[in-house]
Amino acid sequence: MTDASRPKRHVGAPHDTGTDIDFRRALAADREIRSSLQALRDEIDDEIARFGSCARVRTRTLARLRRHPYAGLDWRKIAAAFLVAGMLGGAIDVLLFRPESEPADIVMVDPVLYGLDFAELR
């Protein structure tokens, strides 16, 4: 095929895969390279999974890290223990230690509304 018989292409024009033999060969070579690379990737992934390489790297890396002393604690159990202790303490206070005198009234004063002049609060 001579250069005169080839259709002229504009720069950046899409290739016509049906008529350009060189482009079809390059495209076929590219597909072949991609498929062979994918096969190699799959083979390497299978070997990594079979020999447990990732698990060994993870184990050795984590072994080098310093373990925090509170890392193994289950904080939900600790919170539940505090809740149960508070409930038991309140129940024991109400049921076993009944006050013999009248309890003192508690007054809450808002310093924004009343100010902090203690003479008026007495």
PDB file of N, CA and C in Angstrom:
ATOM      1  N   MET A   1       0.852  -1.166   0.000  1.00  0.00           N
ATOM      2  CA  MET A   1       0.000   0.000   0.000  1.00  0.00           C
ATOM      3  C   MET A   1       0.896   1.226   0.000  1.00  0.00           C
ATOM      4  N   THR A   2       0.695   2.099  -0.900  1.00  0.00           N
ATOM      5  CA  THR A   2       1.510   3.316  -0.998  1.00  0.00           C
ATOM      6  C   THR A   2       0.874   4.410  -0.174  1.00  0.00           C
ATOM      7  N   ASP A   3       1.672   5.423   0.099  1.00  0.00           N
ATOM      8  CA  ASP A   3       1.156   6.541   0.887  1.00  0.00           C
ATOM      9  C   ASP A   3       0.047   7.291   0.165  1.00  0.00           C
ATOM     10  N   ALA A   4       0.056   7.260  -1.139  1.00  0.00           N
ATOM     11  CA  ALA A   4      -0.972   7.976  -1.898  1.00  0.00           C
ATOM     12  C   ALA A   4      -2.317   7.291  -1.799  1.00  0.00           C
ATOM     13  N   SER A   5      -2.317   5.964  -1.636  1.00  0.00           N
ATOM     14  CA  SER A   5      -3.592   5.246  -1.574  1.00  0.00           C
ATOM     15  C   SER A   5      -4.196   5.245  -0.171  1.00  0.00           C
ATOM     16  N   ARG A   6      -3.397   5.552   0.845  1.00  0.00           N
ATOM     17  CA  ARG A   6      -3.913   5.612   2.226  1.00  0.00           C
ATOM     18  C   ARG A   6      -4.740   6.872   2.405  1.00  0.00           C
ATOM     19  N   PRO A   7      -5.817   6.735   3.111  1.00  0.00           N
ATOM     20  CA  PRO A   7      -6.592   7.956   3.383  1.00  0.00           C
ATOM     21  C   PRO A   7      -5.827   8.836   4.365  1.00  0.00           C
ATOM     22  N   LYS A   8      -5.904  10.126   4.159  1.00  0.00           N
ATOM     23  CA  LYS A   8      -5.209  11.059   5.047  1.00  0.00           C
ATOM     24  C   LYS A   8      -6.009  11.209   6.331  1.00  0.00           C
ATOM     25  N   ARG A   9      -5.286  11.202   7.413  1.00  0.00           N
ATOM     26  CA  ARG A   9      -5.918  11.338   8.725  1.00  0.00           C
ATOM     27  C   ARG A   9      -5.570  12.697   9.301  1.00  0.00           C
ATOM     28  N   HIS A  10      -6.522  13.223  10.002  1.00  0.00           N
ATOM     29  CA  HIS A  10      -6.270  14.468  10.708  1.00  0.00           C
ATOM     30  C   HIS A  10      -5.657  14.137  12.058  1.00  0.00           C
ATOM     31  N   VAL A  11      -4.877  15.052  12.582  1.00  0.00           N
ATOM     32  CA  VAL A  11      -4.243  14.827  13.874  1.00  0.00           C
ATOM     33  C   VAL A  11      -5.337  14.733  14.934  1.00  0.00           C
ATOM     34  N   GLY A  12      -5.302  13.685  15.700  1.00  0.00           N
ATOM     35  CA  GLY A  12      -6.274  13.484  16.772  1.00  0.00           C
ATOM     36  C   GLY A  12      -7.545  12.802  16.321  1.00  0.00           C
ATOM     37  N   ALA A  13      -7.665  12.451  15.050  1.00  0.00           N
ATOM     38  CA  ALA A  13      -8.869  11.770  14.571  1.00  0.00           C
ATOM     39  C   ALA A  13      -8.874  10.328  15.061  1.00  0.00           C
ATOM     40  N   PRO A  14     -10.043   9.767  15.390  1.00  0.00           N
ATOM     41  CA  PRO A  14     -10.090   8.371  15.853  1.00  0.00           C
ATOM     42  C   PRO A  14      -9.721   7.415  14.723  1.00  0.00           C
ATOM     43  N   HIS A  15      -9.080   6.330  15.101  1.00  0.00           N
ATOM     44  CA  HIS A  15      -8.668   5.329  14.112  1.00  0.00           C
ATOM     45  C   HIS A  15      -9.851   4.479  13.705  1.00  0.00           C
ATOM     46  N   ASP A  16      -9.895   4.122  12.471  1.00  0.00           N
ATOM     47  CA  ASP A  16     -10.900   3.203  11.974  1.00  0.00           C
ATOM     48  C   ASP A  16     -10.294   1.807  12.033  1.00  0.00           C
ATOM     49  N   THR A  17     -10.742   0.983  12.979  1.00  0.00           N
ATOM     50  CA  THR A  17     -10.103  -0.319  13.195  1.00  0.00           C
ATOM     51  C   THR A  17     -10.370  -1.282  12.053  1.00  0.00           C
ATOM     52  N   GLY A  18     -11.368  -1.013  11.250  1.00  0.00           N
ATOM     53  CA  GLY A  18     -11.681  -1.937  10.176  1.00  0.00           C
ATOM     54  C   GLY A  18     -10.771  -1.793   8.965  1.00  0.00           C
ATOM     55  N   THR A  19     -10.175  -0.637   8.740  1.00  0.00           N
ATOM     56  CA  THR A  19      -9.387  -0.420   7.526  1.00  0.00           C
ATOM     57  C   THR A  19      -7.904  -0.299   7.776  1.00  0.00           C
ATOM     58  N   ASP A  20      -7.486   0.119   8.952  1.00  0.00           N
ATOM     59  CA  ASP A  20      -6.061   0.335   9.216  1.00  0.00           C
ATOM     60  C   ASP A  20      -5.433  -0.949   9.765  1.00  0.00           C
ATOM     61  N   ILE A  21      -4.653  -1.635   8.959  1.00  0.00           N
ATOM     62  CA  ILE A  21      -4.060  -2.917   9.343  1.00  0.00           C
ATOM     63  C   ILE A  21      -3.040  -2.742  10.456  1.00  0.00           C
ATOM     64  N   ASP A  22      -2.210  -1.700  10.376  1.00  0.00           N
ATOM     65  CA  ASP A  22      -1.206  -1.464  11.421  1.00  0.00           C
ATOM     66  C   ASP A  22      -1.868  -1.211  12.775  1.00  0.00           C
ATOM     67  N   PHE A  23      -2.942  -0.453  12.746  1.00  0.00           N
ATOM     68  CA  PHE A  23      -3.644  -0.179  13.998  1.00  0.00           C
ATOM     69  C   PHE A  23      -4.285  -1.435  14.557  1.00  0.00           C
ATOM     70  N   ARG A  24      -4.851  -2.271  13.697  1.00  0.00           N
ATOM     71  CA  ARG A  24      -5.447  -3.530  14.166  1.00  0.00           C
ATOM     72  C   ARG A  24      -4.397  -4.439  14.773  1.00  0.00           C
ATOM     73  N   ARG A  25      -3.203  -4.481  14.171  1.00  0.00           N
ATOM     74  CA  ARG A  25      -2.117  -5.288  14.736  1.00  0.00           C
ATOM     75  C   ARG A  25      -1.684  -4.750  16.097  1.00  0.00           C
ATOM     76  N   ALA A  26      -1.552  -3.431  16.202  1.00  0.00           N
ATOM     77  CA  ALA A  26      -1.173  -2.834  17.485  1.00  0.00           C
ATOM     78  C   ALA A  26      -2.242  -3.083  18.541  1.00  0.00           C
ATOM     79  N   LEU A  27      -3.500  -2.986  18.134  1.00  0.00           N
ATOM     80  CA  LEU A  27      -4.591  -3.239  19.076  1.00  0.00           C
ATOM     81  C   LEU A  27      -4.598  -4.695  19.523  1.00  0.00           C
ATOM     82  N   ALA A  28      -4.364  -5.618  18.613  1.00  0.00           N
ATOM     83  CA  ALA A  28      -4.311  -7.040  18.970  1.00  0.00           C
ATOM     84  C   ALA A  28      -3.130  -7.320  19.885  1.00  0.00           C
ATOM     85  N   ALA A  29      -1.975  -6.687  19.605  1.00  0.00           N
ATOM     86  CA  ALA A  29      -0.802  -6.875  20.470  1.00  0.00           C
ATOM     87  C   ALA A  29      -1.077  -6.316  21.867  1.00  0.00           C
ATOM     88  N   ASP A  30      -1.758  -5.168  21.924  1.00  0.00           N
ATOM     89  CA  ASP A  30      -2.100  -4.577  23.219  1.00  0.00           C
ATOM     90  C   ASP A  30      -3.029  -5.491  24.005  1.00  0.00           C
ATOM     91  N   ARG A  31      -4.024  -6.054  23.347  1.00  0.00           N
ATOM     92  CA  ARG A  31      -4.940  -6.983  24.027  1.00  0.00           C
ATOM     93  C   ARG A  31      -4.210  -8.224  24.508  1.00  0.00           C
ATOM     94  N   GLU A  32      -3.283  -8.711  23.720  1.00  0.00           N
ATOM     95  CA  GLU A  32      -2.515  -9.890  24.117  1.00  0.00           C
ATOM     96  C   GLU A  32      -1.635  -9.592  25.330  1.00  0.00           C
ATOM     97  N   ILE A  33      -1.005  -8.419  25.326  1.00  0.00           N
ATOM     98  CA  ILE A  33      -0.170  -8.032  26.470  1.00  0.00           C
ATOM     99  C   ILE A  33      -1.025  -7.883  27.721  1.00  0.00           C
ATOM    100  N   ARG A  34      -2.194  -7.241  27.565  1.00  0.00           N
ATOM    101  CA  ARG A  34      -3.069  -7.054  28.729  1.00  0.00           C
ATOM    102  C   ARG A  34      -3.550  -8.388  29.295  1.00  0.00           C
ATOM    103  N   SER A  35      -3.904  -9.312  28.425  1.00  0.00           N
ATOM    104  CA  SER A  35      -4.390 -10.609  28.914  1.00  0.00           C
ATOM    105  C   SER A  35      -3.266 -11.405  29.567  1.00  0.00           C
ATOM    106  N   SER A  36      -2.045 -11.325  29.009  1.00  0.00           N
ATOM    107  CA  SER A  36      -0.933 -12.050  29.636  1.00  0.00           C
ATOM    108  C   SER A  36      -0.557 -11.416  30.971  1.00  0.00           C
ATOM    109  N   LEU A  37      -0.619 -10.082  31.060  1.00  0.00           N
ATOM    110  CA  LEU A  37      -0.343  -9.428  32.343  1.00  0.00           C
ATOM    111  C   LEU A  37      -1.406  -9.789  33.377  1.00  0.00           C
ATOM    112  N   GLN A  38      -2.653  -9.866  32.956  1.00  0.00           N
ATOM    113  CA  GLN A  38      -3.714 -10.248  33.893  1.00  0.00           C
ATOM    114  C   GLN A  38      -3.518 -11.679  34.377  1.00  0.00           C
ATOM    115  N   ALA A  39      -3.089 -12.565  33.473  1.00  0.00           N
ATOM    116  CA  ALA A  39      -2.827 -13.949  33.875  1.00  0.00           C
ATOM    117  C   ALA A  39      -1.680 -14.013  34.880  1.00  0.00           C
ATOM    118  N   LEU A  40      -0.644 -13.207  34.654  1.00  0.00           N
ATOM    119  CA  LEU A  40       0.474 -13.169  35.608  1.00  0.00           C
ATOM    120  C   LEU A  40       0.028 -12.605  36.950  1.00  0.00           C
ATOM    121  N   ARG A  41      -0.797 -11.560  36.915  1.00  0.00           N
ATOM    122  CA  ARG A  41      -1.311 -10.999  38.179  1.00  0.00           C
ATOM    123  C   ARG A  41      -2.110 -12.041  38.947  1.00  0.00           C
ATOM    124  N   ASP A  42      -2.973 -12.749  38.253  1.00  0.00           N
ATOM    125  CA  ASP A  42      -3.772 -13.784  38.914  1.00  0.00           C
ATOM    126  C   ASP A  42      -2.892 -14.882  39.505  1.00  0.00           C
ATOM    127  N   GLU A  43      -1.855 -15.259  38.781  1.00  0.00           N
ATOM    128  CA  GLU A  43      -0.938 -16.287  39.276  1.00  0.00           C
ATOM    129  C   GLU A  43      -0.206 -15.813  40.528  1.00  0.00           C
ATOM    130  N   ILE A  44       0.243 -14.559  40.523  1.00  0.00           N
ATOM    131  CA  ILE A  44       0.938 -14.016  41.702  1.00  0.00           C
ATOM    132  C   ILE A  44      -0.018 -13.921  42.886  1.00  0.00           C
ATOM    133  N   ASP A  45      -1.264 -13.476  42.629  1.00  0.00           N
ATOM    134  CA  ASP A  45      -2.249 -13.398  43.717  1.00  0.00           C
ATOM    135  C   ASP A  45      -2.536 -14.773  44.302  1.00  0.00           C
ATOM    136  N   ASP A  46      -2.615 -15.783  43.458  1.00  0.00           N
ATOM    137  CA  ASP A  46      -2.839 -17.147  43.947  1.00  0.00           C
ATOM    138  C   ASP A  46      -1.677 -17.630  44.804  1.00  0.00           C
ATOM    139  N   GLU A  47      -0.445 -17.328  44.390  1.00  0.00           N
ATOM    140  CA  GLU A  47       0.715 -17.739  45.182  1.00  0.00           C
ATOM    141  C   GLU A  47       0.750 -17.009  46.518  1.00  0.00           C
ATOM    142  N   ILE A  48       0.406 -15.733  46.523  1.00  0.00           N
ATOM    143  CA  ILE A  48       0.369 -14.974  47.775  1.00  0.00           C
ATOM    144  C   ILE A  48      -0.653 -15.583  48.723  1.00  0.00           C
ATOM    145  N   ALA A  49      -1.822 -15.919  48.191  1.00  0.00           N
ATOM    146  CA  ALA A  49      -2.865 -16.514  49.031  1.00  0.00           C
ATOM    147  C   ALA A  49      -2.473 -17.910  49.504  1.00  0.00           C
ATOM    148  N   ARG A  50      -1.826 -18.691  48.632  1.00  0.00           N
ATOM    149  CA  ARG A  50      -1.466 -20.064  48.980  1.00  0.00           C
ATOM    150  C   ARG A  50      -0.390 -20.105  50.063  1.00  0.00           C
ATOM    151  N   PHE A  51       0.596 -19.234  49.974  1.00  0.00           N
ATOM    152  CA  PHE A  51       1.694 -19.273  50.938  1.00  0.00           C
ATOM    153  C   PHE A  51       1.455 -18.399  52.162  1.00  0.00           C
ATOM    154  N   GLY A  52       0.380 -17.627  52.185  1.00  0.00           N
ATOM    155  CA  GLY A  52       0.064 -16.809  53.351  1.00  0.00           C
ATOM    156  C   GLY A  52       1.025 -15.657  53.561  1.00  0.00           C
ATOM    157  N   SER A  53       1.509 -15.070  52.508  1.00  0.00           N
ATOM    158  CA  SER A  53       2.495 -14.000  52.619  1.00  0.00           C
ATOM    159  C   SER A  53       1.934 -12.775  53.324  1.00  0.00           C
ATOM    160  N   CYS A  54       0.717 -12.402  52.990  1.00  0.00           N
ATOM    161  CA  CYS A  54       0.119 -11.217  53.610  1.00  0.00           C
ATOM    162  C   CYS A  54      -0.053 -11.407  55.112  1.00  0.00           C
ATOM    163  N   ALA A  55      -0.468 -12.589  55.510  1.00  0.00           N
ATOM    164  CA  ALA A  55      -0.657 -12.855  56.939  1.00  0.00           C
ATOM    165  C   ALA A  55       0.673 -12.804  57.684  1.00  0.00           C
ATOM    166  N   ARG A  56       1.734 -13.314  57.065  1.00  0.00           N
ATOM    167  CA  ARG A  56       3.051 -13.254  57.721  1.00  0.00           C
ATOM    168  C   ARG A  56       3.533 -11.821  57.861  1.00  0.00           C
ATOM    169  N   VAL A  57       3.361 -11.030  56.818  1.00  0.00           N
ATOM    170  CA  VAL A  57       3.789  -9.626  56.883  1.00  0.00           C
ATOM    171  C   VAL A  57       2.969  -8.886  57.935  1.00  0.00           C
ATOM    172  N   ARG A  58       1.665  -9.144  57.977  1.00  0.00           N
ATOM    173  CA  ARG A  58       0.807  -8.489  58.969  1.00  0.00           C
ATOM    174  C   ARG A  58       1.217  -8.879  60.387  1.00  0.00           C
ATOM    175  N   THR A  59       1.458 -10.155  60.605  1.00  0.00           N
ATOM    176  CA  THR A  59       1.836 -10.631  61.937  1.00  0.00           C
ATOM    177  C   THR A  59       3.154 -10.026  62.388  1.00  0.00           C
ATOM    178  N   ARG A  60       4.131 -10.002  61.515  1.00  0.00           N
ATOM    179  CA  ARG A  60       5.439  -9.449  61.889  1.00  0.00           C
ATOM    180  C   ARG A  60       5.382  -7.942  62.091  1.00  0.00           C
ATOM    181  N   THR A  61       4.583  -7.267  61.298  1.00  0.00           N
ATOM    182  CA  THR A  61       4.467  -5.818  61.457  1.00  0.00           C
ATOM    183  C   THR A  61       3.772  -5.474  62.764  1.00  0.00           C
ATOM    184  N   LEU A  62       2.687  -6.186  63.065  1.00  0.00           N
ATOM    185  CA  LEU A  62       1.977  -5.913  64.314  1.00  0.00           C
ATOM    186  C   LEU A  62       2.790  -6.325  65.532  1.00  0.00           C
ATOM    187  N   ALA A  63       3.680  -7.286  65.389  1.00  0.00           N
ATOM    188  CA  ALA A  63       4.522  -7.702  66.522  1.00  0.00           C
ATOM    189  C   ALA A  63       5.505  -6.599  66.897  1.00  0.00           C
ATOM    190  N   ARG A  64       5.851  -5.764  65.950  1.00  0.00           N
ATOM    191  CA  ARG A  64       6.793  -4.674  66.239  1.00  0.00           C
ATOM    192  C   ARG A  64       6.128  -3.499  66.937  1.00  0.00           C
ATOM    193  N   LEU A  65       4.819  -3.380  66.828  1.00  0.00           N
ATOM    194  CA  LEU A  65       4.119  -2.270  67.447  1.00  0.00           C
ATOM    195  C   LEU A  65       3.980  -2.501  68.947  1.00  0.00           C
ATOM    196  N   ARG A  66       4.057  -1.420  69.688  1.00  0.00           N
ATOM    197  CA  ARG A  66       3.898  -1.502  71.141  1.00  0.00           C
ATOM    198  C   ARG A  66       2.409  -1.599  71.454  1.00  0.00           C
ATOM    199  N   ARG A  67       2.054  -2.528  72.300  1.00  0.00           N
ATOM    200  CA  ARG A  67       0.647  -2.743  72.643  1.00  0.00           C
ATOM    201  C   ARG A  67       0.260  -1.825  73.797  1.00  0.00           C
ATOM    202  N   HIS A  68      -0.870  -1.152  73.626  1.00  0.00           N
ATOM    203  CA  HIS A  68      -1.376  -0.262  74.670  1.00  0.00           C
ATOM    204  C   HIS A  68      -1.924  -1.109  75.819  1.00  0.00           C
ATOM    205  N   PRO A  69      -1.683  -0.705  77.066  1.00  0.00           N
ATOM    206  CA  PRO A  69      -2.113  -1.544  78.196  1.00  0.00           C
ATOM    207  C   PRO A  69      -3.632  -1.707  78.307  1.00  0.00           C
ATOM    208  N   TYR A  70      -4.412  -0.754  77.800  1.00  0.00           N
ATOM    209  CA  TYR A  70      -5.866  -0.849  77.890  1.00  0.00           C
ATOM    210  C   TYR A  70      -6.497  -1.335  76.592  1.00  0.00           C
ATOM    211  N   ALA A  71      -5.708  -1.875  75.692  1.00  0.00           N
ATOM    212  CA  ALA A  71      -6.219  -2.252  74.374  1.00  0.00           C
ATOM    213  C   ALA A  71      -7.198  -3.422  74.447  1.00  0.00           C
ATOM    214  N   GLY A  72      -7.047  -4.314  75.392  1.00  0.00           N
ATOM    215  CA  GLY A  72      -7.902  -5.492  75.449  1.00  0.00           C
ATOM    216  C   GLY A  72      -9.168  -5.321  76.267  1.00  0.00           C
ATOM    217  N   LEU A  73      -9.362  -4.156  76.878  1.00  0.00           N
ATOM    218  CA  LEU A  73     -10.527  -3.967  77.734  1.00  0.00           C
ATOM    219  C   LEU A  73     -11.784  -3.743  76.900  1.00  0.00           C
ATOM    220  N   ASP A  74     -12.877  -4.311  77.376  1.00  0.00           N
ATOM    221  CA  ASP A  74     -14.160  -4.082  76.742  1.00  0.00           C
ATOM    222  C   ASP A  74     -14.853  -2.970  77.525  1.00  0.00           C
ATOM    223  N   TRP A  75     -14.903  -1.790  76.934  1.00  0.00           N
ATOM    224  CA  TRP A  75     -15.395  -0.610  77.638  1.00  0.00           C
ATOM    225  C   TRP A  75     -16.894  -0.705  77.918  1.00  0.00           C
ATOM    226  N   ARG A  76     -17.623  -1.479  77.146  1.00  0.00           N
ATOM    227  CA  ARG A  76     -19.052  -1.642  77.425  1.00  0.00           C
ATOM    228  C   ARG A  76     -19.262  -2.382  78.743  1.00  0.00           C
ATOM    229  N   LYS A  77     -18.408  -3.369  79.023  1.00  0.00           N
ATOM    230  CA  LYS A  77     -18.522  -4.098  80.292  1.00  0.00           C
ATOM    231  C   LYS A  77     -18.171  -3.197  81.467  1.00  0.00           C
ATOM    232  N   ILE A  78     -17.180  -2.349  81.275  1.00  0.00           N
ATOM    233  CA  ILE A  78     -16.792  -1.427  82.358  1.00  0.00           C
ATOM    234  C   ILE A  78     -17.919  -0.430  82.619  1.00  0.00           C
ATOM    235  N   ALA A  79     -18.525   0.113  81.552  1.00  0.00           N
ATOM    236  CA  ALA A  79     -19.636   1.053  81.723  1.00  0.00           C
ATOM    237  C   ALA A  79     -20.823   0.369  82.395  1.00  0.00           C
ATOM    238  N   ALA A  80     -21.089  -0.872  82.026  1.00  0.00           N
ATOM    239  CA  ALA A  80     -22.186  -1.603  82.657  1.00  0.00           C
ATOM    240  C   ALA A  80     -21.897  -1.841  84.137  1.00  0.00           C
ATOM    241  N   ALA A  81     -20.655  -2.128  84.486  1.00  0.00           N
ATOM    242  CA  ALA A  81     -20.289  -2.329  85.891  1.00  0.00           C
ATOM    243  C   ALA A  81     -20.485  -1.046  86.690  1.00  0.00           C
ATOM    244  N   PHE A  82     -20.115   0.095  86.121  1.00  0.00           N
ATOM    245  CA  PHE A  82     -20.333   1.369  86.818  1.00  0.00           C
ATOM    246  C   PHE A  82     -21.829   1.645  86.989  1.00  0.00           C
ATOM    247  N   LEU A  83     -22.629   1.330  85.987  1.00  0.00           N
ATOM    248  CA  LEU A  83     -24.066   1.545  86.069  1.00  0.00           C
ATOM    249  C   LEU A  83     -24.690   0.670  87.154  1.00  0.00           C
ATOM    250  N   VAL A  84     -24.308  -0.599  87.188  1.00  0.00           N
ATOM    251  CA  VAL A  84     -24.839  -1.511  88.210  1.00  0.00           C
ATOM    252  C   VAL A  84     -24.389  -1.076  89.600  1.00  0.00           C
ATOM    253  N   ALA A  85     -23.137  -0.644  89.724  1.00  0.00           N
ATOM    254  CA  ALA A  85     -22.641  -0.190  91.033  1.00  0.00           C
ATOM    255  C   ALA A  85     -23.399   1.040  91.504  1.00  0.00           C
ATOM    256  N   GLY A  86     -23.678   1.959  90.601  1.00  0.00           N
ATOM    257  CA  GLY A  86     -24.445   3.145  90.983  1.00  0.00           C
ATOM    258  C   GLY A  86     -25.866   2.809  91.389  1.00  0.00           C
ATOM    259  N   MET A  87     -26.482   1.879  90.666  1.00  0.00           N
ATOM    260  CA  MET A  87     -27.840   1.473  91.011  1.00  0.00           C
ATOM    261  C   MET A  87     -27.880   0.760  92.360  1.00  0.00           C
ATOM    262  N   LEU A  88     -26.915  -0.130  92.587  1.00  0.00           N
ATOM    263  CA  LEU A  88     -26.880  -0.832  93.875  1.00  0.00           C
ATOM    264  C   LEU A  88     -26.611   0.133  95.024  1.00  0.00           C
ATOM    265  N   GLY A  89     -25.714   1.076  94.790  1.00  0.00           N
ATOM    266  CA  GLY A  89     -25.433   2.065  95.834  1.00  0.00           C
ATOM    267  C   GLY A  89     -26.650   2.896  96.169  1.00  0.00           C
ATOM    268  N   GLY A  90     -27.383   3.307  95.148  1.00  0.00           N
ATOM    269  CA  GLY A  90     -28.606   4.080  95.401  1.00  0.00           C
ATOM    270  C   GLY A  90     -29.660   3.257  96.099  1.00  0.00           C
ATOM    271  N   ALA A  91     -29.812   1.988  95.698  1.00  0.00           N
ATOM    272  CA  ALA A  91     -30.810   1.126  96.342  1.00  0.00           C
ATOM    273  C   ALA A  91     -30.456   0.865  97.800  1.00  0.00           C
ATOM    274  N   ILE A  92     -29.191   0.613  98.068  1.00  0.00           N
ATOM    275  CA  ILE A  92     -28.775   0.375  99.458  1.00  0.00           C
ATOM    276  C   ILE A  92     -28.978   1.624 100.297  1.00  0.00           C
ATOM    277  N   ASP A  93     -28.690   2.791  99.721  1.00  0.00           N
ATOM    278  CA  ASP A  93     -28.858   4.042 100.451  1.00  0.00           C
ATOM    279  C   ASP A  93     -30.329   4.288 100.786  1.00  0.00           C
ATOM    280  N   VAL A  94     -31.226   3.946  99.897  1.00  0.00           N
ATOM    281  CA  VAL A  94     -32.651   4.175 100.124  1.00  0.00           C
ATOM    282  C   VAL A  94     -33.226   3.119 101.069  1.00  0.00           C
ATOM    283  N   LEU A  95     -32.850   1.862 100.881  1.00  0.00           N
ATOM    284  CA  LEU A  95     -33.485   0.792 101.634  1.00  0.00           C
ATOM    285  C   LEU A  95     -32.874   0.551 103.012  1.00  0.00           C
ATOM    286  N   LEU A  96     -31.572   0.621 103.140  1.00  0.00           N
ATOM    287  CA  LEU A  96     -30.933   0.256 104.402  1.00  0.00           C
ATOM    288  C   LEU A  96     -30.673   1.441 105.320  1.00  0.00           C
ATOM    289  N   PHE A  97     -30.303   2.551 104.775  1.00  0.00           N
ATOM    290  CA  PHE A  97     -29.930   3.698 105.605  1.00  0.00           C
ATOM    291  C   PHE A  97     -30.993   4.784 105.499  1.00  0.00           C
ATOM    292  N   ARG A  98     -32.123   4.535 106.150  1.00  0.00           N
ATOM    293  CA  ARG A  98     -33.212   5.518 106.114  1.00  0.00           C
ATOM    294  C   ARG A  98     -32.861   6.654 107.064  1.00  0.00           C
ATOM    295  N   PRO A  99     -33.006   7.879 106.580  1.00  0.00           N
ATOM    296  CA  PRO A  99     -32.670   9.019 107.459  1.00  0.00           C
ATOM    297  C   PRO A  99     -33.716   9.162 108.574  1.00  0.00           C
ATOM    298  N   GLU A 100     -33.242   9.456 109.799  1.00  0.00           N
ATOM    299  CA  GLU A 100     -34.146   9.607 110.937  1.00  0.00           C
ATOM    300  C   GLU A 100     -34.704  11.012 111.012  1.00  0.00           C
ATOM    301  N   SER A 101     -34.016  11.968 110.429  1.00  0.00           N
ATOM    302  CA  SER A 101     -34.537  13.329 110.415  1.00  0.00           C
ATOM    303  C   SER A 101     -34.990  13.663 108.996  1.00  0.00           C
ATOM    304  N   GLU A 102     -35.663  14.769 108.887  1.00  0.00           N
ATOM    305  CA  GLU A 102     -36.134  15.200 107.582  1.00  0.00           C
ATOM    306  C   GLU A 102     -34.927  15.560 106.707  1.00  0.00           C
ATOM    307  N   PRO A 103     -34.969  15.155 105.463  1.00  0.00           N
ATOM    308  CA  PRO A 103     -33.858  15.531 104.588  1.00  0.00           C
ATOM    309  C   PRO A 103     -33.843  17.030 104.332  1.00  0.00           C
ATOM    310  N   ALA A 104     -32.675  17.553 104.144  1.00  0.00           N
ATOM    311  CA  ALA A 104     -32.524  18.987 103.903  1.00  0.00           C
ATOM    312  C   ALA A 104     -33.010  19.309 102.483  1.00  0.00           C
ATOM    313  N   ASP A 105     -33.676  20.455 102.386  1.00  0.00           N
ATOM    314  CA  ASP A 105     -34.115  20.892 101.064  1.00  0.00           C
ATOM    315  C   ASP A 105     -32.922  21.470 100.308  1.00  0.00           C
ATOM    316  N   ILE A 106     -32.877  21.166  99.078  1.00  0.00           N
ATOM    317  CA  ILE A 106     -31.799  21.671  98.238  1.00  0.00           C
ATOM    318  C   ILE A 106     -32.364  22.773  97.373  1.00  0.00           C
ATOM    319  N   VAL A 107     -31.692  23.904  97.410  1.00  0.00           N
ATOM    320  CA  VAL A 107     -32.134  25.047  96.627  1.00  0.00           C
ATOM    321  C   VAL A 107     -31.058  25.344  95.597  1.00  0.00           C
ATOM    322  N   MET A 108     -31.495  25.447  94.357  1.00  0.00           N
ATOM    323  CA  MET A 108     -30.559  25.820  93.299  1.00  0.00           C
ATOM    324  C   MET A 108     -30.839  27.266  92.918  1.00  0.00           C
ATOM    325  N   VAL A 109     -29.786  28.051  92.936  1.00  0.00           N
ATOM    326  CA  VAL A 109     -29.919  29.470  92.644  1.00  0.00           C
ATOM    327  C   VAL A 109     -29.193  29.755  91.341  1.00  0.00           C
ATOM    328  N   ASP A 110     -29.879  30.474  90.464  1.00  0.00           N
ATOM    329  CA  ASP A 110     -29.279  30.838  89.189  1.00  0.00           C
ATOM    330  C   ASP A 110     -28.556  32.168  89.359  1.00  0.00           C
ATOM    331  N   PRO A 111     -27.229  32.173  89.264  1.00  0.00           N
ATOM    332  CA  PRO A 111     -26.489  33.421  89.475  1.00  0.00           C
ATOM    333  C   PRO A 111     -26.756  34.457  88.386  1.00  0.00           C
ATOM    334  N   VAL A 112     -27.268  34.051  87.245  1.00  0.00           N
ATOM    335  CA  VAL A 112     -27.556  35.016  86.190  1.00  0.00           C
ATOM    336  C   VAL A 112     -28.794  35.844  86.564  1.00  0.00           C
ATOM    337  N   LEU A 113     -29.805  35.179  87.117  1.00  0.00           N
ATOM    338  CA  LEU A 113     -31.035  35.883  87.460  1.00  0.00           C
ATOM    339  C   LEU A 113     -30.944  36.622  88.789  1.00  0.00           C
ATOM    340  N   TYR A 114     -30.274  36.027  89.780  1.00  0.00           N
ATOM    341  CA  TYR A 114     -30.286  36.582  91.132  1.00  0.00           C
ATOM    342  C   TYR A 114     -28.983  37.283  91.494  1.00  0.00           C
ATOM    343  N   GLY A 115     -27.945  37.085  90.736  1.00  0.00           N
ATOM    344  CA  GLY A 115     -26.663  37.694  91.080  1.00  0.00           C
ATOM    345  C   GLY A 115     -25.957  36.872  92.139  1.00  0.00           C
ATOM    346  N   LEU A 116     -24.793  37.345  92.533  1.00  0.00           N
ATOM    347  CA  LEU A 116     -24.003  36.613  93.519  1.00  0.00           C
ATOM    348  C   LEU A 116     -23.933  37.345  94.860  1.00  0.00           C
ATOM    349  N   ASP A 117     -24.921  38.161  95.167  1.00  0.00           N
ATOM    350  CA  ASP A 117     -24.949  38.855  96.452  1.00  0.00           C
ATOM    351  C   ASP A 117     -25.506  37.883  97.488  1.00  0.00           C
ATOM    352  N   PHE A 118     -24.618  37.430  98.359  1.00  0.00           N
ATOM    353  CA  PHE A 118     -25.011  36.396  99.328  1.00  0.00           C
ATOM    354  C   PHE A 118     -25.920  36.919 100.412  1.00  0.00           C
ATOM    355  N   ALA A 119     -25.951  38.212 100.631  1.00  0.00           N
ATOM    356  CA  ALA A 119     -26.836  38.771 101.665  1.00  0.00           C
ATOM    357  C   ALA A 119     -28.289  38.573 101.280  1.00  0.00           C
ATOM    358  N   GLU A 120     -28.605  38.648 100.014  1.00  0.00           N
ATOM    359  CA  GLU A 120     -29.990  38.480  99.589  1.00  0.00           C
ATOM    360  C   GLU A 120     -30.416  37.001  99.629  1.00  0.00           C
ATOM    361  N   LEU A 121     -29.473  36.113  99.552  1.00  0.00           N
ATOM    362  CA  LEU A 121     -29.808  34.692  99.497  1.00  0.00           C
ATOM    363  C   LEU A 121     -30.100  34.114 100.866  1.00  0.00           C
ATOM    364  N   ARG A 122     -29.727  34.763 101.919  1.00  0.00           N
ATOM    365  CA  ARG A 122     -29.935  34.211 103.261  1.00  0.00           C
ATOM    366  C   ARG A 122     -31.304  34.387 103.706  1.00  0.00           C
TER     367      ARG A 122
END
